């Protein structure tokens, strides 16, 4: 599996993601500039990554301008053909703005930027420690959409405590139903607010992020 990482003006986690994929998962990585359109080097067995950061300074809304970058038009076509797409933090916001994932990311409920390690629970009940760093990470959707996400097993991760208890007191941004990450119905587009690429090195004392790539079939 080959990876392409889209770089927008304001991206600041693109090289972190490149390091995690190249040096800790031994993957081939191609950096993609947002003004380009060419994805001919990738097949639907590959993955395009939208990294974290502050694309276009988060003007208007987070991800609202990046959604119209030429490369995003190609990414949307790639996803619609079955290609894998991963959006982390700002990348998750861009996926929602582009319509590849349902819902929206709103300002944190406490109106403060949050940067710390949190706990996540996946579908299998595994618990990971992963960093978050965002000011607009509160996932929100209407009840019908939320019910569909949960009924279709599209919720990838919930915020929890170290024992796996899911409660609003362990929710760093007041996300609806403690949702930290979701997928589309087809299971090829993934979005999450926590940063697995920042927990992928033994030198940082945490490799739980590598387990996230395994969960998503991106290892």
Protein backbone atom coordinates (compact mmCIF):
# COMPACT_ATOMS: atom_id res chain seq x y z
CA UNK A 1 0.00 0.00 0.00
CA UNK A 2 1.27 3.42 -1.03
CA UNK A 3 0.33 6.66 0.73
CA UNK A 4 -0.14 10.19 -0.56
CA UNK A 5 -0.17 13.07 1.93
CA UNK A 6 -1.88 16.26 0.79
CA UNK A 7 -0.14 19.45 1.93
CA UNK A 8 -2.28 22.57 2.28
CA UNK A 9 -1.11 26.07 3.25
CA UNK A 10 -1.19 25.81 7.04
CA UNK A 11 -0.71 22.04 7.29
CA UNK A 12 1.65 21.35 10.19
CA UNK A 13 1.32 17.61 10.78
CA UNK A 14 2.18 16.49 7.26
CA UNK A 15 5.80 15.65 8.11
CA UNK A 16 4.78 13.93 11.33
CA UNK A 17 2.48 11.71 9.26
CA UNK A 18 5.22 11.11 6.71
CA UNK A 19 7.62 10.06 9.47
CA UNK A 20 5.09 7.67 11.01
CA UNK A 21 4.28 6.02 7.69
CA UNK A 22 7.80 5.89 6.25
CA UNK A 23 9.95 5.24 9.28
CA UNK A 24 7.63 3.26 11.54
CA UNK A 25 5.35 1.43 9.08
CA UNK A 26 7.89 1.21 6.23
CA UNK A 27 5.46 2.58 3.64
CA UNK A 28 6.12 4.45 0.42
CA UNK A 29 4.92 8.04 0.78
CA UNK A 30 4.39 10.72 -1.86
CA UNK A 31 3.78 14.31 -0.77
CA UNK A 32 0.98 16.00 -2.74
CA UNK A 33 0.60 19.77 -3.13
CA UNK A 34 -2.98 21.02 -2.80
CA UNK A 35 -2.89 22.92 -6.12
CA UNK A 36 -2.05 19.80 -8.10
CA UNK A 37 -4.64 17.30 -9.31
CA UNK A 38 -2.75 14.21 -10.40
CA UNK A 39 -3.43 11.00 -8.48
CA UNK A 40 -2.51 8.69 -11.36
CA UNK A 41 0.28 7.15 -9.26
CA UNK A 42 -2.32 5.68 -6.88
CA UNK A 43 -4.73 2.78 -7.17
CA UNK A 44 -7.76 2.06 -5.01
CA UNK A 45 -5.53 -0.21 -2.92
CA UNK A 46 -3.60 2.89 -1.81
CA UNK A 47 -4.48 5.62 0.67
CA UNK A 48 -4.59 9.42 0.54
CA UNK A 49 -4.07 11.22 3.86
CA UNK A 50 -5.32 14.68 4.80
CA UNK A 51 -3.09 15.74 7.72
CA UNK A 52 -3.68 17.95 10.71
CA UNK A 53 -2.95 21.65 10.93
CA UNK A 54 -4.75 24.86 10.09
CA UNK A 55 -5.41 24.75 6.35
CA UNK A 56 -5.82 28.27 4.99
CA UNK A 57 -5.62 29.61 8.54
CA UNK A 58 -9.00 28.05 9.43
CA UNK A 59 -10.70 31.07 7.85
CA UNK A 60 -14.48 30.87 7.38
CA UNK A 61 -14.64 27.42 9.03
CA UNK A 62 -12.01 24.79 9.61
CA UNK A 63 -11.52 22.95 6.32
CA UNK A 64 -14.05 25.08 4.43
CA UNK A 65 -11.52 26.59 2.00
CA UNK A 66 -9.32 23.50 1.68
CA UNK A 67 -12.34 21.59 0.48
CA UNK A 68 -12.15 23.58 -2.79
CA UNK A 69 -8.46 22.93 -3.47
CA UNK A 70 -7.86 21.28 -6.88
CA UNK A 71 -6.37 18.21 -5.22
CA UNK A 72 -9.51 17.72 -3.13
CA UNK A 73 -11.60 17.33 -6.26
CA UNK A 74 -9.31 14.43 -7.22
CA UNK A 75 -9.46 13.02 -3.67
CA UNK A 76 -13.26 13.04 -3.78
CA UNK A 77 -13.20 11.16 -7.10
CA UNK A 78 -10.62 8.75 -5.69
CA UNK A 79 -12.80 8.03 -2.64
CA UNK A 80 -15.92 7.60 -4.75
CA UNK A 81 -14.07 4.91 -6.74
CA UNK A 82 -13.28 3.03 -3.52
CA UNK A 83 -9.83 4.42 -2.73
CA UNK A 84 -8.94 4.77 0.93
CA UNK A 85 -8.82 8.26 2.47
CA UNK A 86 -7.76 9.14 6.01
CA UNK A 87 -8.31 12.56 7.55
CA UNK A 88 -6.76 13.43 10.92
CA UNK A 89 -7.82 16.51 12.91
CA UNK A 90 -7.97 19.27 10.27
CA UNK A 91 -8.14 16.48 7.71
CA UNK A 92 -11.28 15.16 9.44
CA UNK A 93 -12.77 18.65 9.24
CA UNK A 94 -11.98 18.80 5.50
CA UNK A 95 -13.63 15.40 4.93
CA UNK A 96 -16.82 16.62 6.60
CA UNK A 97 -16.76 19.91 4.69
CA UNK A 98 -16.31 18.02 1.41
CA UNK A 99 -19.23 15.69 2.12
CA UNK A 100 -17.11 12.55 2.20
CA UNK A 101 -18.14 12.08 5.84
CA UNK A 102 -21.37 13.14 7.55
CA UNK A 103 -21.59 15.69 10.34
CA UNK A 104 -19.44 18.66 11.26
CA UNK A 105 -16.66 19.60 13.66
CA UNK A 106 -17.62 22.54 15.89
CA UNK A 107 -15.61 24.64 18.37
CA UNK A 108 -14.80 22.74 21.56
CA UNK A 109 -17.63 22.97 24.06
CA UNK A 110 -15.45 24.69 26.67
CA UNK A 111 -14.25 27.20 24.03
CA UNK A 112 -10.60 26.36 24.70
CA UNK A 113 -7.85 24.73 22.69
CA UNK A 114 -7.08 21.28 24.08
CA UNK A 115 -3.69 19.56 23.78
CA UNK A 116 -3.12 16.42 25.83
CA UNK A 117 -3.13 12.63 25.80
CA UNK A 118 -6.58 11.07 25.87
CA UNK A 119 -7.96 7.52 25.77
CA UNK A 120 -9.83 5.96 22.87
CA UNK A 121 -11.88 2.78 22.59
CA UNK A 122 -12.21 1.02 19.22
CA UNK A 123 -14.92 -1.31 17.99
CA UNK A 124 -13.19 -4.35 19.48
CA UNK A 125 -12.96 -2.71 22.89
CA UNK A 126 -9.22 -2.02 22.72
CA UNK A 127 -8.11 1.11 24.57
CA UNK A 128 -5.40 3.39 23.23
CA UNK A 129 -3.63 6.48 24.50
CA UNK A 130 -3.42 9.07 21.70
CA UNK A 131 -2.75 12.84 21.74
CA UNK A 132 -5.31 15.44 20.72
CA UNK A 133 -4.56 19.03 19.75
CA UNK A 134 -7.49 21.09 18.46
CA UNK A 135 -9.82 23.98 19.07
CA UNK A 136 -12.65 22.78 16.83
CA UNK A 137 -12.98 19.07 17.52
CA UNK A 138 -16.54 18.73 18.79
CA UNK A 139 -18.15 16.23 16.45
CA UNK A 140 -21.82 16.99 15.85
CA UNK A 141 -24.59 15.49 13.74
CA UNK A 142 -28.37 15.19 14.06
CA UNK A 143 -29.80 12.24 15.96
CA UNK A 144 -30.83 10.38 12.79
CA UNK A 145 -27.29 10.56 11.42
CA UNK A 146 -25.80 9.56 14.77
CA UNK A 147 -28.12 6.57 15.03
CA UNK A 148 -27.16 5.47 11.51
CA UNK A 149 -23.46 5.80 12.31
CA UNK A 150 -23.80 3.63 15.40
CA UNK A 151 -26.18 1.11 13.85
CA UNK A 152 -23.90 0.68 10.83
CA UNK A 153 -20.76 0.35 13.00
CA UNK A 154 -19.35 3.51 11.42
CA UNK A 155 -18.12 4.91 14.73
CA UNK A 156 -14.44 3.98 14.80
CA UNK A 157 -13.48 5.46 18.16
CA UNK A 158 -15.09 6.81 21.30
CA UNK A 159 -13.43 8.98 23.93
CA UNK A 160 -13.16 7.01 27.18
CA UNK A 161 -11.09 6.64 30.35
CA UNK A 162 -8.15 4.28 30.85
CA UNK A 163 -10.59 1.46 31.67
CA UNK A 164 -12.75 2.00 28.61
CA UNK A 165 -15.65 3.73 30.33
CA UNK A 166 -17.42 6.06 27.90
CA UNK A 167 -18.70 9.15 29.68
CA UNK A 168 -18.85 12.88 28.94
CA UNK A 169 -16.37 13.52 31.76
CA UNK A 170 -13.68 11.87 29.60
CA UNK A 171 -14.65 13.82 26.50
CA UNK A 172 -12.01 16.51 25.72
CA UNK A 173 -14.20 18.64 23.46
CA UNK A 174 -17.86 17.77 24.28
CA UNK A 175 -18.24 15.72 21.08
CA UNK A 176 -21.74 14.33 20.63
CA UNK A 177 -21.96 10.79 22.06
CA UNK A 178 -18.21 10.92 22.80
CA UNK A 179 -17.44 10.24 19.14
CA UNK A 180 -13.76 10.65 18.24
CA UNK A 181 -13.67 9.08 14.78
CA UNK A 182 -16.00 7.75 12.09
CA UNK A 183 -16.02 6.12 8.64
CA UNK A 184 -18.32 6.36 5.66
CA UNK A 185 -20.84 3.61 4.89
CA UNK A 186 -18.52 2.00 2.36
CA UNK A 187 -15.73 1.76 4.95
CA UNK A 188 -13.01 3.38 2.82
CA UNK A 189 -13.04 6.96 4.21
CA UNK A 190 -11.90 7.50 7.79
CA UNK A 191 -11.85 10.64 9.92
CA UNK A 192 -10.63 11.16 13.48
CA UNK A 193 -9.62 14.08 15.69
CA UNK A 194 -6.82 12.38 17.74
CA UNK A 195 -3.35 12.20 16.15
CA UNK A 196 -2.10 8.59 15.70
CA UNK A 197 1.03 9.87 13.93
CA UNK A 198 2.09 11.54 17.18
CA UNK A 199 1.99 8.20 18.99
CA UNK A 200 3.97 6.08 16.56
CA UNK A 201 7.52 6.12 17.90
CA UNK A 202 9.12 4.18 20.74
CA UNK A 203 11.41 7.18 21.21
CA UNK A 204 8.35 9.17 22.30
CA UNK A 205 7.26 6.37 24.62
CA UNK A 206 4.01 5.61 22.82
CA UNK A 207 3.28 3.42 19.80
CA UNK A 208 -0.49 3.11 20.23
CA UNK A 209 -0.91 5.18 17.07
CA UNK A 210 0.47 2.32 15.00
CA UNK A 211 -2.44 0.19 16.24
CA UNK A 212 -4.83 2.77 14.78
CA UNK A 213 -3.39 2.21 11.29
CA UNK A 214 -3.87 -1.53 11.86
CA UNK A 215 -7.49 -0.99 12.92
CA UNK A 216 -8.15 0.86 9.68
CA UNK A 217 -6.41 -1.73 7.53
CA UNK A 218 -3.66 0.74 6.63
CA UNK A 219 -0.72 -1.17 8.10
